[in-house]
């Protein structure tokens, strides 16, 4: 649970992995977006593999679907990168998995 209105999930096998710590944070925007009524968030989990004892960080997010205003998505991606960098500065340079709905085309 992130404590925010729009939910994201990180699902993992509790038989294989242990949760070390989890975080939830908003994807703040520098500009006011009157269309963003959901309060987009990201969640992160530091997991450790019980077999290999390797720690890794998993991040899941849902970026706004503003195809007419891509700068909003860019700002949310910017915030996500800053938060991931901040987490890694505290927990170390562990392997990273980023997943989610980026509302983007390839």
Protein backbone atom coordinates (compact mmCIF):
# COMPACT_ATOMS: atom_id res chain seq x y z
CA UNK A 1 0.00 0.00 0.00
CA UNK A 2 1.39 3.35 -0.99
CA UNK A 3 -1.02 5.52 0.98
CA UNK A 4 -2.10 7.23 -2.23
CA UNK A 5 -5.36 7.00 -4.15
CA UNK A 6 -4.11 5.31 -7.32
CA UNK A 7 -2.85 1.82 -6.57
CA UNK A 8 0.16 0.00 -7.97
CA UNK A 9 1.34 -3.44 -7.01
CA UNK A 10 4.54 -5.39 -6.80
CA UNK A 11 3.73 -9.07 -6.63
CA UNK A 12 6.39 -11.61 -5.67
CA UNK A 13 6.72 -15.13 -4.32
CA UNK A 14 7.11 -15.05 -0.55
CA UNK A 15 8.61 -18.53 -0.80
CA UNK A 16 11.47 -17.24 -2.95
CA UNK A 17 11.90 -13.60 -1.86
CA UNK A 18 11.93 -11.65 1.38
CA UNK A 19 10.76 -8.04 1.55
CA UNK A 20 13.50 -5.90 3.08
CA UNK A 21 11.73 -2.55 2.74
CA UNK A 22 9.02 -0.85 0.71
CA UNK A 23 8.25 2.73 -0.34
CA UNK A 24 5.41 4.63 -1.97
CA UNK A 25 5.76 8.10 -3.41
CA UNK A 26 3.79 10.51 -5.60
CA UNK A 27 4.93 11.49 -9.07
CA UNK A 28 4.78 15.19 -8.34
CA UNK A 29 4.49 17.67 -11.12
CA UNK A 30 6.00 21.12 -11.28
CA UNK A 31 3.06 22.35 -13.32
CA UNK A 32 -0.54 22.19 -12.21
CA UNK A 33 -2.44 19.62 -14.24
CA UNK A 34 -6.21 20.11 -13.94
CA UNK A 35 -6.76 16.76 -15.70
CA UNK A 36 -4.71 14.74 -13.22
CA UNK A 37 -7.31 13.83 -10.65
CA UNK A 38 -5.75 10.47 -9.74
CA UNK A 39 -2.56 11.50 -7.97
CA UNK A 40 -0.20 9.21 -9.89
CA UNK A 41 2.27 7.29 -7.75
CA UNK A 42 5.05 4.78 -7.83
CA UNK A 43 5.86 2.00 -5.39
CA UNK A 44 9.20 0.38 -4.74
CA UNK A 45 10.32 -2.73 -2.93
CA UNK A 46 13.76 -3.91 -1.93
CA UNK A 47 13.70 -7.69 -2.16
CA UNK A 48 16.27 -10.36 -1.36
CA UNK A 49 16.40 -13.72 -3.09
CA UNK A 50 16.40 -16.46 -0.45
CA UNK A 51 18.40 -18.80 -2.70
CA UNK A 52 21.14 -16.46 -3.90
CA UNK A 53 20.98 -13.79 -1.15
CA UNK A 54 21.04 -11.11 -3.88
CA UNK A 55 19.13 -7.90 -3.17
CA UNK A 56 17.39 -5.97 -5.91
CA UNK A 57 15.03 -3.03 -6.22
CA UNK A 58 11.67 -3.31 -7.99
CA UNK A 59 9.73 -0.17 -8.96
CA UNK A 60 6.19 -0.09 -10.35
CA UNK A 61 4.40 2.99 -11.61
CA UNK A 62 1.45 4.28 -13.60
CA UNK A 63 2.24 7.40 -15.60
CA UNK A 64 -0.53 9.78 -16.63
CA UNK A 65 -2.18 9.21 -20.02
CA UNK A 66 -1.85 12.73 -21.42
CA UNK A 67 -1.13 12.16 -25.07
CA UNK A 68 -1.99 15.77 -25.89
CA UNK A 69 0.41 17.04 -23.21
CA UNK A 70 3.51 14.80 -23.23
CA UNK A 71 5.36 17.22 -20.96
CA UNK A 72 3.23 15.89 -18.07
CA UNK A 73 4.45 12.35 -18.73
CA UNK A 74 8.01 13.64 -19.04
CA UNK A 75 7.76 15.39 -15.69
CA UNK A 76 6.40 12.25 -14.04
CA UNK A 77 9.23 10.18 -15.56
CA UNK A 78 11.69 12.81 -14.30
CA UNK A 79 10.28 12.53 -10.76
CA UNK A 80 10.43 8.73 -10.96
CA UNK A 81 14.10 8.81 -11.98
CA UNK A 82 14.96 11.25 -9.18
CA UNK A 83 13.26 9.04 -6.58
CA UNK A 84 14.98 5.89 -7.88
CA UNK A 85 18.33 7.68 -7.78
CA UNK A 86 17.63 8.80 -4.20
CA UNK A 87 16.70 5.27 -3.13
CA UNK A 88 19.80 3.78 -4.73
CA UNK A 89 22.00 6.38 -3.04
CA UNK A 90 20.74 5.02 0.30
CA UNK A 91 20.49 1.28 -0.41
CA UNK A 92 23.41 1.00 -2.81
CA UNK A 93 23.79 0.21 -6.47
CA UNK A 94 21.64 -2.92 -6.45
CA UNK A 95 20.08 -4.40 -9.59
CA UNK A 96 16.95 -2.52 -10.65
CA UNK A 97 13.69 -3.57 -12.30
CA UNK A 98 11.30 -0.82 -13.41
CA UNK A 99 7.85 -1.81 -14.63
CA UNK A 100 4.45 -0.25 -15.02
CA UNK A 101 1.98 1.42 -17.30
CA UNK A 102 3.88 4.25 -18.99
CA UNK A 103 1.00 5.15 -21.31
CA UNK A 104 3.43 5.44 -24.16
CA UNK A 105 4.03 3.94 -27.56
CA UNK A 106 7.27 2.15 -28.49
